Amino acid sequence: MTKEELTIKNGELAEKLKMAEDRDETIRKEFAIAFNWFEEKRDFGYSSSEKEFKTPTWCEIFTKIGKLLSQKDLYDLERNVSEIEFNIGDIRNTLKEKTK
């Protein structure tokens, strides 16, 4: 490849990288909106009443998703236990009726 071809290729790759970075930031901001993550604006060390959505890191996003999934699993487990308790109570009532 010639220097000119490399320069053109470098420009194309730089443009693709910029587009990917913009898309990445947009996606992370959409997660911030979905999770209602705000960041207080600070002017000269003083906090103001204005808030704007923060741009979370992927680590923060995955941590939040993991916590939500574990809460869902716990809720499902609690629901299953309640169902089993209800069924056991129903079986007890059926057994009591048959033994009478």
PDB file of N, CA and C in Angstrom:
ATOM      1  N   MET A   1       0.838  -1.185   0.000  1.00  0.00           N
ATOM      2  CA  MET A   1       0.000   0.000   0.000  1.00  0.00           C
ATOM      3  C   MET A   1       0.879   1.244   0.000  1.00  0.00           C
ATOM      4  N   THR A   2       0.359   2.241  -0.637  1.00  0.00           N
ATOM      5  CA  THR A   2       1.096   3.500  -0.672  1.00  0.00           C
ATOM      6  C   THR A   2       0.704   4.335   0.535  1.00  0.00           C
ATOM      7  N   LYS A   3       1.457   5.391   0.740  1.00  0.00           N
ATOM      8  CA  LYS A   3       1.190   6.281   1.864  1.00  0.00           C
ATOM      9  C   LYS A   3      -0.182   6.930   1.716  1.00  0.00           C
ATOM     10  N   GLU A   4      -0.551   7.291   0.518  1.00  0.00           N
ATOM     11  CA  GLU A   4      -1.859   7.919   0.274  1.00  0.00           C
ATOM     12  C   GLU A   4      -3.003   6.945   0.581  1.00  0.00           C
ATOM     13  N   GLU A   5      -2.847   5.683   0.176  1.00  0.00           N
ATOM     14  CA  GLU A   5      -3.866   4.680   0.446  1.00  0.00           C
ATOM     15  C   GLU A   5      -4.011   4.436   1.945  1.00  0.00           C
ATOM     16  N   LEU A   6      -2.865   4.400   2.643  1.00  0.00           N
ATOM     17  CA  LEU A   6      -2.901   4.230   4.094  1.00  0.00           C
ATOM     18  C   LEU A   6      -3.576   5.421   4.774  1.00  0.00           C
ATOM     19  N   THR A   7      -3.308   6.613   4.267  1.00  0.00           N
ATOM     20  CA  THR A   7      -3.921   7.819   4.824  1.00  0.00           C
ATOM     21  C   THR A   7      -5.429   7.773   4.637  1.00  0.00           C
ATOM     22  N   ILE A   8      -5.882   7.355   3.453  1.00  0.00           N
ATOM     23  CA  ILE A   8      -7.322   7.243   3.186  1.00  0.00           C
ATOM     24  C   ILE A   8      -7.950   6.187   4.094  1.00  0.00           C
ATOM     25  N   LYS A   9      -7.290   5.036   4.177  1.00  0.00           N
ATOM     26  CA  LYS A   9      -7.792   3.945   5.028  1.00  0.00           C
ATOM     27  C   LYS A   9      -7.844   4.389   6.492  1.00  0.00           C
ATOM     28  N   ASN A  10      -6.828   5.101   6.950  1.00  0.00           N
ATOM     29  CA  ASN A  10      -6.790   5.615   8.315  1.00  0.00           C
ATOM     30  C   ASN A  10      -7.948   6.567   8.554  1.00  0.00           C
ATOM     31  N   GLY A  11      -8.246   7.425   7.593  1.00  0.00           N
ATOM     32  CA  GLY A  11      -9.372   8.362   7.722  1.00  0.00           C
ATOM     33  C   GLY A  11     -10.697   7.631   7.808  1.00  0.00           C
ATOM     34  N   GLU A  12     -10.865   6.580   6.983  1.00  0.00           N
ATOM     35  CA  GLU A  12     -12.099   5.792   7.011  1.00  0.00           C
ATOM     36  C   GLU A  12     -12.263   5.099   8.361  1.00  0.00           C
ATOM     37  N   LEU A  13     -11.178   4.513   8.858  1.00  0.00           N
ATOM     38  CA  LEU A  13     -11.238   3.830  10.151  1.00  0.00           C
ATOM     39  C   LEU A  13     -11.497   4.803  11.291  1.00  0.00           C
ATOM     40  N   ALA A  14     -10.905   5.990  11.218  1.00  0.00           N
ATOM     41  CA  ALA A  14     -11.132   7.002  12.251  1.00  0.00           C
ATOM     42  C   ALA A  14     -12.603   7.431  12.257  1.00  0.00           C
ATOM     43  N   GLU A  15     -13.197   7.527  11.079  1.00  0.00           N
ATOM     44  CA  GLU A  15     -14.605   7.909  10.982  1.00  0.00           C
ATOM     45  C   GLU A  15     -15.503   6.795  11.555  1.00  0.00           C
ATOM     46  N   LYS A  16     -15.180   5.528  11.229  1.00  0.00           N
ATOM     47  CA  LYS A  16     -15.945   4.409  11.773  1.00  0.00           C
ATOM     48  C   LYS A  16     -15.821   4.348  13.295  1.00  0.00           C
ATOM     49  N   LEU A  17     -14.624   4.610  13.806  1.00  0.00           N
ATOM     50  CA  LEU A  17     -14.407   4.614  15.251  1.00  0.00           C
ATOM     51  C   LEU A  17     -15.232   5.702  15.912  1.00  0.00           C
ATOM     52  N   LYS A  18     -15.264   6.877  15.331  1.00  0.00           N
ATOM     53  CA  LYS A  18     -16.038   7.988  15.885  1.00  0.00           C
ATOM     54  C   LYS A  18     -17.523   7.637  15.904  1.00  0.00           C
ATOM     55  N   MET A  19     -18.017   7.025  14.831  1.00  0.00           N
ATOM     56  CA  MET A  19     -19.429   6.621  14.776  1.00  0.00           C
ATOM     57  C   MET A  19     -19.729   5.573  15.848  1.00  0.00           C
ATOM     58  N   ALA A  20     -18.824   4.609  16.034  1.00  0.00           N
ATOM     59  CA  ALA A  20     -19.015   3.571  17.050  1.00  0.00           C
ATOM     60  C   ALA A  20     -19.004   4.171  18.455  1.00  0.00           C
ATOM     61  N   GLU A  21     -18.098   5.121  18.708  1.00  0.00           N
ATOM     62  CA  GLU A  21     -18.046   5.771  20.020  1.00  0.00           C
ATOM     63  C   GLU A  21     -19.318   6.564  20.289  1.00  0.00           C
ATOM     64  N   ASP A  22     -19.830   7.260  19.268  1.00  0.00           N
ATOM     65  CA  ASP A  22     -21.077   8.017  19.425  1.00  0.00           C
ATOM     66  C   ASP A  22     -22.247   7.080  19.717  1.00  0.00           C
ATOM     67  N   ARG A  23     -22.297   5.959  18.999  1.00  0.00           N
ATOM     68  CA  ARG A  23     -23.362   4.981  19.213  1.00  0.00           C
ATOM     69  C   ARG A  23     -23.266   4.387  20.619  1.00  0.00           C
ATOM     70  N   ASP A  24     -22.054   4.092  21.051  1.00  0.00           N
ATOM     71  CA  ASP A  24     -21.831   3.554  22.391  1.00  0.00           C
ATOM     72  C   ASP A  24     -22.338   4.526  23.451  1.00  0.00           C
ATOM     73  N   GLU A  25     -22.004   5.792  23.306  1.00  0.00           N
ATOM     74  CA  GLU A  25     -22.440   6.796  24.280  1.00  0.00           C
ATOM     75  C   GLU A  25     -23.958   6.939  24.273  1.00  0.00           C
ATOM     76  N   THR A  26     -24.562   6.900  23.087  1.00  0.00           N
ATOM     77  CA  THR A  26     -26.020   6.991  22.989  1.00  0.00           C
ATOM     78  C   THR A  26     -26.686   5.827  23.712  1.00  0.00           C
ATOM     79  N   ILE A  27     -26.170   4.624  23.504  1.00  0.00           N
ATOM     80  CA  ILE A  27     -26.744   3.444  24.162  1.00  0.00           C
ATOM     81  C   ILE A  27     -26.613   3.558  25.672  1.00  0.00           C
ATOM     82  N   ARG A  28     -25.441   4.006  26.149  1.00  0.00           N
ATOM     83  CA  ARG A  28     -25.257   4.130  27.599  1.00  0.00           C
ATOM     84  C   ARG A  28     -26.174   5.200  28.179  1.00  0.00           C
ATOM     85  N   LYS A  29     -26.413   6.286  27.435  1.00  0.00           N
ATOM     86  CA  LYS A  29     -27.339   7.319  27.908  1.00  0.00           C
ATOM     87  C   LYS A  29     -28.769   6.796  27.938  1.00  0.00           C
ATOM     88  N   GLU A  30     -29.123   5.923  26.987  1.00  0.00           N
ATOM     89  CA  GLU A  30     -30.457   5.324  27.014  1.00  0.00           C
ATOM     90  C   GLU A  30     -30.637   4.438  28.246  1.00  0.00           C
ATOM     91  N   PHE A  31     -29.584   3.729  28.648  1.00  0.00           N
ATOM     92  CA  PHE A  31     -29.651   2.961  29.893  1.00  0.00           C
ATOM     93  C   PHE A  31     -29.835   3.907  31.074  1.00  0.00           C
ATOM     94  N   ALA A  32     -29.161   5.047  31.067  1.00  0.00           N
ATOM     95  CA  ALA A  32     -29.306   6.019  32.155  1.00  0.00           C
ATOM     96  C   ALA A  32     -30.742   6.508  32.243  1.00  0.00           C
ATOM     97  N   ILE A  33     -31.373   6.724  31.101  1.00  0.00           N
ATOM     98  CA  ILE A  33     -32.773   7.145  31.094  1.00  0.00           C
ATOM     99  C   ILE A  33     -33.658   6.023  31.642  1.00  0.00           C
ATOM    100  N   ALA A  34     -33.403   4.803  31.194  1.00  0.00           N
ATOM    101  CA  ALA A  34     -34.211   3.664  31.632  1.00  0.00           C
ATOM    102  C   ALA A  34     -34.083   3.430  33.139  1.00  0.00           C
ATOM    103  N   PHE A  35     -32.884   3.614  33.691  1.00  0.00           N
ATOM    104  CA  PHE A  35     -32.649   3.372  35.105  1.00  0.00           C
ATOM    105  C   PHE A  35     -32.810   4.641  35.946  1.00  0.00           C
ATOM    106  N   ASN A  36     -33.124   5.745  35.274  1.00  0.00           N
ATOM    107  CA  ASN A  36     -33.352   7.026  35.951  1.00  0.00           C
ATOM    108  C   ASN A  36     -32.119   7.472  36.737  1.00  0.00           C
ATOM    109  N   TRP A  37     -30.957   7.407  36.094  1.00  0.00           N
ATOM    110  CA  TRP A  37     -29.695   7.813  36.708  1.00  0.00           C
ATOM    111  C   TRP A  37     -29.413   9.267  36.378  1.00  0.00           C
ATOM    112  N   PHE A  38     -29.393  10.097  37.414  1.00  0.00           N
ATOM    113  CA  PHE A  38     -29.108  11.516  37.231  1.00  0.00           C
ATOM    114  C   PHE A  38     -27.748  11.865  37.801  1.00  0.00           C
ATOM    115  N   GLU A  39     -27.278  13.003  37.373  1.00  0.00           N
ATOM    116  CA  GLU A  39     -26.011  13.534  37.857  1.00  0.00           C
ATOM    117  C   GLU A  39     -26.244  15.015  38.120  1.00  0.00           C
ATOM    118  N   GLU A  40     -25.912  15.455  39.320  1.00  0.00           N
ATOM    119  CA  GLU A  40     -26.107  16.870  39.632  1.00  0.00           C
ATOM    120  C   GLU A  40     -25.064  17.711  38.924  1.00  0.00           C
ATOM    121  N   LYS A  41     -25.517  18.856  38.415  1.00  0.00           N
ATOM    122  CA  LYS A  41     -24.562  19.791  37.807  1.00  0.00           C
ATOM    123  C   LYS A  41     -23.895  20.576  38.917  1.00  0.00           C
ATOM    124  N   ARG A  42     -22.622  20.769  38.791  1.00  0.00           N
ATOM    125  CA  ARG A  42     -21.883  21.542  39.788  1.00  0.00           C
ATOM    126  C   ARG A  42     -21.183  22.697  39.087  1.00  0.00           C
ATOM    127  N   ASP A  43     -21.451  23.877  39.590  1.00  0.00           N
ATOM    128  CA  ASP A  43     -20.797  25.071  39.069  1.00  0.00           C
ATOM    129  C   ASP A  43     -19.928  25.661  40.167  1.00  0.00           C
ATOM    130  N   PHE A  44     -18.657  25.709  39.931  1.00  0.00           N
ATOM    131  CA  PHE A  44     -17.700  26.290  40.864  1.00  0.00           C
ATOM    132  C   PHE A  44     -17.796  25.660  42.257  1.00  0.00           C
ATOM    133  N   GLY A  45     -18.022  24.361  42.284  1.00  0.00           N
ATOM    134  CA  GLY A  45     -18.051  23.641  43.550  1.00  0.00           C
ATOM    135  C   GLY A  45     -19.393  23.650  44.252  1.00  0.00           C
ATOM    136  N   TYR A  46     -20.362  24.381  43.721  1.00  0.00           N
ATOM    137  CA  TYR A  46     -21.689  24.426  44.322  1.00  0.00           C
ATOM    138  C   TYR A  46     -22.642  23.570  43.508  1.00  0.00           C
ATOM    139  N   SER A  47     -23.471  22.803  44.202  1.00  0.00           N
ATOM    140  CA  SER A  47     -24.431  21.986  43.469  1.00  0.00           C
ATOM    141  C   SER A  47     -25.650  22.837  43.151  1.00  0.00           C
ATOM    142  N   SER A  48     -26.199  22.607  41.990  1.00  0.00           N
ATOM    143  CA  SER A  48     -27.390  23.347  41.598  1.00  0.00           C
ATOM    144  C   SER A  48     -28.580  22.396  41.593  1.00  0.00           C
ATOM    145  N   SER A  49     -29.748  22.952  41.395  1.00  0.00           N
ATOM    146  CA  SER A  49     -30.947  22.122  41.383  1.00  0.00           C
ATOM    147  C   SER A  49     -31.117  21.418  40.047  1.00  0.00           C
ATOM    148  N   GLU A  50     -30.318  21.771  39.062  1.00  0.00           N
ATOM    149  CA  GLU A  50     -30.423  21.144  37.757  1.00  0.00           C
ATOM    150  C   GLU A  50     -29.763  19.768  37.779  1.00  0.00           C
ATOM    151  N   LYS A  51     -30.439  18.839  37.154  1.00  0.00           N
ATOM    152  CA  LYS A  51     -29.885  17.495  37.046  1.00  0.00           C
ATOM    153  C   LYS A  51     -29.916  17.094  35.583  1.00  0.00           C
ATOM    154  N   GLU A  52     -28.944  16.314  35.200  1.00  0.00           N
ATOM    155  CA  GLU A  52     -28.948  15.780  33.846  1.00  0.00           C
ATOM    156  C   GLU A  52     -28.606  14.291  33.927  1.00  0.00           C
ATOM    157  N   PHE A  53     -28.993  13.575  32.894  1.00  0.00           N
ATOM    158  CA  PHE A  53     -28.702  12.145  32.890  1.00  0.00           C
ATOM    159  C   PHE A  53     -27.201  11.939  32.769  1.00  0.00           C
ATOM    160  N   LYS A  54     -26.680  11.024  33.574  1.00  0.00           N
ATOM    161  CA  LYS A  54     -25.258  10.719  33.522  1.00  0.00           C
ATOM    162  C   LYS A  54     -25.011   9.683  32.433  1.00  0.00           C
ATOM    163  N   THR A  55     -23.786   9.573  32.034  1.00  0.00           N
ATOM    164  CA  THR A  55     -23.397   8.535  31.081  1.00  0.00           C
ATOM    165  C   THR A  55     -22.688   7.452  31.880  1.00  0.00           C
ATOM    166  N   PRO A  56     -23.409   6.358  32.186  1.00  0.00           N
ATOM    167  CA  PRO A  56     -22.816   5.322  33.026  1.00  0.00           C
ATOM    168  C   PRO A  56     -21.769   4.510  32.270  1.00  0.00           C
ATOM    169  N   THR A  57     -20.936   3.852  33.029  1.00  0.00           N
ATOM    170  CA  THR A  57     -19.975   2.938  32.424  1.00  0.00           C
ATOM    171  C   THR A  57     -20.689   1.614  32.169  1.00  0.00           C
ATOM    172  N   TRP A  58     -20.089   0.794  31.324  1.00  0.00           N
ATOM    173  CA  TRP A  58     -20.685  -0.510  31.069  1.00  0.00           C
ATOM    174  C   TRP A  58     -20.679  -1.353  32.336  1.00  0.00           C
ATOM    175  N   CYS A  59     -19.694  -1.174  33.172  1.00  0.00           N
ATOM    176  CA  CYS A  59     -19.624  -1.917  34.443  1.00  0.00           C
ATOM    177  C   CYS A  59     -20.836  -1.570  35.318  1.00  0.00           C
ATOM    178  N   GLU A  60     -21.187  -0.285  35.409  1.00  0.00           N
ATOM    179  CA  GLU A  60     -22.358   0.128  36.186  1.00  0.00           C
ATOM    180  C   GLU A  60     -23.637  -0.466  35.602  1.00  0.00           C
ATOM    181  N   ILE A  61     -23.733  -0.466  34.282  1.00  0.00           N
ATOM    182  CA  ILE A  61     -24.926  -1.000  33.615  1.00  0.00           C
ATOM    183  C   ILE A  61     -25.072  -2.488  33.898  1.00  0.00           C
ATOM    184  N   PHE A  62     -23.978  -3.245  33.725  1.00  0.00           N
ATOM    185  CA  PHE A  62     -24.053  -4.688  33.946  1.00  0.00           C
ATOM    186  C   PHE A  62     -24.313  -5.015  35.409  1.00  0.00           C
ATOM    187  N   THR A  63     -23.772  -4.214  36.322  1.00  0.00           N
ATOM    188  CA  THR A  63     -24.027  -4.422  37.743  1.00  0.00           C
ATOM    189  C   THR A  63     -25.506  -4.224  38.048  1.00  0.00           C
ATOM    190  N   LYS A  64     -26.090  -3.166  37.511  1.00  0.00           N
ATOM    191  CA  LYS A  64     -27.513  -2.889  37.729  1.00  0.00           C
ATOM    192  C   LYS A  64     -28.376  -4.000  37.145  1.00  0.00           C
ATOM    193  N   ILE A  65     -28.049  -4.454  35.948  1.00  0.00           N
ATOM    194  CA  ILE A  65     -28.814  -5.532  35.315  1.00  0.00           C
ATOM    195  C   ILE A  65     -28.703  -6.812  36.145  1.00  0.00           C
ATOM    196  N   GLY A  66     -27.507  -7.094  36.651  1.00  0.00           N
ATOM    197  CA  GLY A  66     -27.320  -8.274  37.501  1.00  0.00           C
ATOM    198  C   GLY A  66     -28.154  -8.191  38.764  1.00  0.00           C
ATOM    199  N   LYS A  67     -28.201  -7.021  39.386  1.00  0.00           N
ATOM    200  CA  LYS A  67     -29.013  -6.848  40.593  1.00  0.00           C
ATOM    201  C   LYS A  67     -30.494  -7.042  40.286  1.00  0.00           C
ATOM    202  N   LEU A  68     -30.946  -6.498  39.155  1.00  0.00           N
ATOM    203  CA  LEU A  68     -32.345  -6.648  38.777  1.00  0.00           C
ATOM    204  C   LEU A  68     -32.691  -8.112  38.506  1.00  0.00           C
ATOM    205  N   LEU A  69     -31.780  -8.824  37.857  1.00  0.00           N
ATOM    206  CA  LEU A  69     -32.020 -10.244  37.584  1.00  0.00           C
ATOM    207  C   LEU A  69     -32.070 -11.053  38.880  1.00  0.00           C
ATOM    208  N   SER A  70     -31.195 -10.725  39.833  1.00  0.00           N
ATOM    209  CA  SER A  70     -31.211 -11.463  41.094  1.00  0.00           C
ATOM    210  C   SER A  70     -32.484 -11.152  41.887  1.00  0.00           C
ATOM    211  N   GLN A  71     -32.971  -9.910  41.814  1.00  0.00           N
ATOM    212  CA  GLN A  71     -34.233  -9.578  42.473  1.00  0.00           C
ATOM    213  C   GLN A  71     -35.381 -10.353  41.843  1.00  0.00           C
ATOM    214  N   LYS A  72     -35.354 -10.468  40.520  1.00  0.00           N
ATOM    215  CA  LYS A  72     -36.392 -11.213  39.806  1.00  0.00           C
ATOM    216  C   LYS A  72     -36.346 -12.676  40.220  1.00  0.00           C
ATOM    217  N   ASP A  73     -35.144 -13.243  40.302  1.00  0.00           N
ATOM    218  CA  ASP A  73     -35.009 -14.637  40.720  1.00  0.00           C
ATOM    219  C   ASP A  73     -35.539 -14.833  42.136  1.00  0.00           C
ATOM    220  N   LEU A  74     -35.245 -13.897  43.032  1.00  0.00           N
ATOM    221  CA  LEU A  74     -35.730 -13.984  44.404  1.00  0.00           C
ATOM    222  C   LEU A  74     -37.248 -13.902  44.436  1.00  0.00           C
ATOM    223  N   TYR A  75     -37.811 -12.998  43.642  1.00  0.00           N
ATOM    224  CA  TYR A  75     -39.271 -12.860  43.583  1.00  0.00           C
ATOM    225  C   TYR A  75     -39.895 -14.153  43.057  1.00  0.00           C
ATOM    226  N   ASP A  76     -39.298 -14.727  42.005  1.00  0.00           N
ATOM    227  CA  ASP A  76     -39.804 -15.992  41.461  1.00  0.00           C
ATOM    228  C   ASP A  76     -39.726 -17.092  42.507  1.00  0.00           C
ATOM    229  N   LEU A  77     -38.633 -17.143  43.254  1.00  0.00           N
ATOM    230  CA  LEU A  77     -38.473 -18.154  44.295  1.00  0.00           C
ATOM    231  C   LEU A  77     -39.533 -17.987  45.376  1.00  0.00           C
ATOM    232  N   GLU A  78     -39.759 -16.749  45.805  1.00  0.00           N
ATOM    233  CA  GLU A  78     -40.771 -16.488  46.827  1.00  0.00           C
ATOM    234  C   GLU A  78     -42.158 -16.888  46.318  1.00  0.00           C
ATOM    235  N   ARG A  79     -42.436 -16.605  45.057  1.00  0.00           N
ATOM    236  CA  ARG A  79     -43.728 -16.964  44.476  1.00  0.00           C
ATOM    237  C   ARG A  79     -43.884 -18.486  44.428  1.00  0.00           C
ATOM    238  N   ASN A  80     -42.816 -19.168  44.059  1.00  0.00           N
ATOM    239  CA  ASN A  80     -42.861 -20.636  44.007  1.00  0.00           C
ATOM    240  C   ASN A  80     -43.076 -21.232  45.395  1.00  0.00           C
ATOM    241  N   VAL A  81     -42.401 -20.688  46.403  1.00  0.00           N
ATOM    242  CA  VAL A  81     -42.575 -21.172  47.776  1.00  0.00           C
ATOM    243  C   VAL A  81     -44.015 -20.941  48.230  1.00  0.00           C
ATOM    244  N   SER A  82     -44.573 -19.782  47.924  1.00  0.00           N
ATOM    245  CA  SER A  82     -45.965 -19.502  48.298  1.00  0.00           C
ATOM    246  C   SER A  82     -46.920 -20.481  47.622  1.00  0.00           C
ATOM    247  N   GLU A  83     -46.653 -20.777  46.359  1.00  0.00           N
ATOM    248  CA  GLU A  83     -47.478 -21.735  45.629  1.00  0.00           C
ATOM    249  C   GLU A  83     -47.411 -23.115  46.273  1.00  0.00           C
ATOM    250  N   ILE A  84     -46.201 -23.529  46.644  1.00  0.00           N
ATOM    251  CA  ILE A  84     -46.011 -24.843  47.274  1.00  0.00           C
ATOM    252  C   ILE A  84     -46.730 -24.877  48.626  1.00  0.00           C
ATOM    253  N   GLU A  85     -46.606 -23.799  49.412  1.00  0.00           N
ATOM    254  CA  GLU A  85     -47.297 -23.740  50.697  1.00  0.00           C
ATOM    255  C   GLU A  85     -48.805 -23.848  50.509  1.00  0.00           C
ATOM    256  N   PHE A  86     -49.330 -23.172  49.498  1.00  0.00           N
ATOM    257  CA  PHE A  86     -50.762 -23.240  49.214  1.00  0.00           C
ATOM    258  C   PHE A  86     -51.158 -24.665  48.845  1.00  0.00           C
ATOM    259  N   ASN A  87     -50.368 -25.300  47.999  1.00  0.00           N
ATOM    260  CA  ASN A  87     -50.665 -26.680  47.588  1.00  0.00           C
ATOM    261  C   ASN A  87     -50.602 -27.642  48.762  1.00  0.00           C
ATOM    262  N   ILE A  88     -49.649 -27.454  49.652  1.00  0.00           N
ATOM    263  CA  ILE A  88     -49.548 -28.306  50.843  1.00  0.00           C
ATOM    264  C   ILE A  88     -50.785 -28.119  51.717  1.00  0.00           C
ATOM    265  N   GLY A  89     -51.205 -26.869  51.889  1.00  0.00           N
ATOM    266  CA  GLY A  89     -52.429 -26.605  52.659  1.00  0.00           C
ATOM    267  C   GLY A  89     -53.634 -27.255  52.017  1.00  0.00           C
ATOM    268  N   ASP A  90     -53.719 -27.222  50.706  1.00  0.00           N
ATOM    269  CA  ASP A  90     -54.818 -27.852  49.983  1.00  0.00           C
ATOM    270  C   ASP A  90     -54.792 -29.368  50.174  1.00  0.00           C
ATOM    271  N   ILE A  91     -53.609 -29.959  50.126  1.00  0.00           N
ATOM    272  CA  ILE A  91     -53.460 -31.408  50.333  1.00  0.00           C
ATOM    273  C   ILE A  91     -53.869 -31.773  51.753  1.00  0.00           C
ATOM    274  N   ARG A  92     -53.460 -30.951  52.734  1.00  0.00           N
ATOM    275  CA  ARG A  92     -53.842 -31.215  54.133  1.00  0.00           C
ATOM    276  C   ARG A  92     -55.359 -31.200  54.293  1.00  0.00           C
ATOM    277  N   ASN A  93     -56.000 -30.208  53.668  1.00  0.00           N
ATOM    278  CA  ASN A  93     -57.460 -30.113  53.766  1.00  0.00           C
ATOM    279  C   ASN A  93     -58.123 -31.328  53.115  1.00  0.00           C
ATOM    280  N   THR A  94     -57.591 -31.754  52.001  1.00  0.00           N
ATOM    281  CA  THR A  94     -58.146 -32.930  51.311  1.00  0.00           C
ATOM    282  C   THR A  94     -57.982 -34.173  52.176  1.00  0.00           C
ATOM    283  N   LEU A  95     -56.811 -34.333  52.805  1.00  0.00           N
ATOM    284  CA  LEU A  95     -56.566 -35.477  53.678  1.00  0.00           C
ATOM    285  C   LEU A  95     -57.484 -35.458  54.905  1.00  0.00           C
ATOM    286  N   LYS A  96     -57.696 -34.275  55.456  1.00  0.00           N
ATOM    287  CA  LYS A  96     -58.599 -34.153  56.623  1.00  0.00           C
ATOM    288  C   LYS A  96     -60.009 -34.567  56.249  1.00  0.00           C
ATOM    289  N   GLU A  97     -60.451 -34.151  55.077  1.00  0.00           N
ATOM    290  CA  GLU A  97     -61.816 -34.494  54.632  1.00  0.00           C
ATOM    291  C   GLU A  97     -61.942 -35.988  54.403  1.00  0.00           C
ATOM    292  N   LYS A  98     -60.907 -36.614  53.873  1.00  0.00           N
ATOM    293  CA  LYS A  98     -60.982 -38.063  53.575  1.00  0.00           C
ATOM    294  C   LYS A  98     -60.891 -38.880  54.848  1.00  0.00           C
ATOM    295  N   THR A  99     -60.219 -38.380  55.885  1.00  0.00           N
ATOM    296  CA  THR A  99     -60.087 -39.144  57.125  1.00  0.00           C
ATOM    297  C   THR A  99     -61.313 -39.017  58.012  1.00  0.00           C
ATOM    298  N   LYS A 100     -62.173 -38.101  57.708  1.00  0.00           N
ATOM    299  CA  LYS A 100     -63.388 -37.915  58.540  1.00  0.00           C
ATOM    300  C   LYS A 100     -64.402 -38.967  58.281  1.00  0.00           C
TER     301      LYS A 100
END
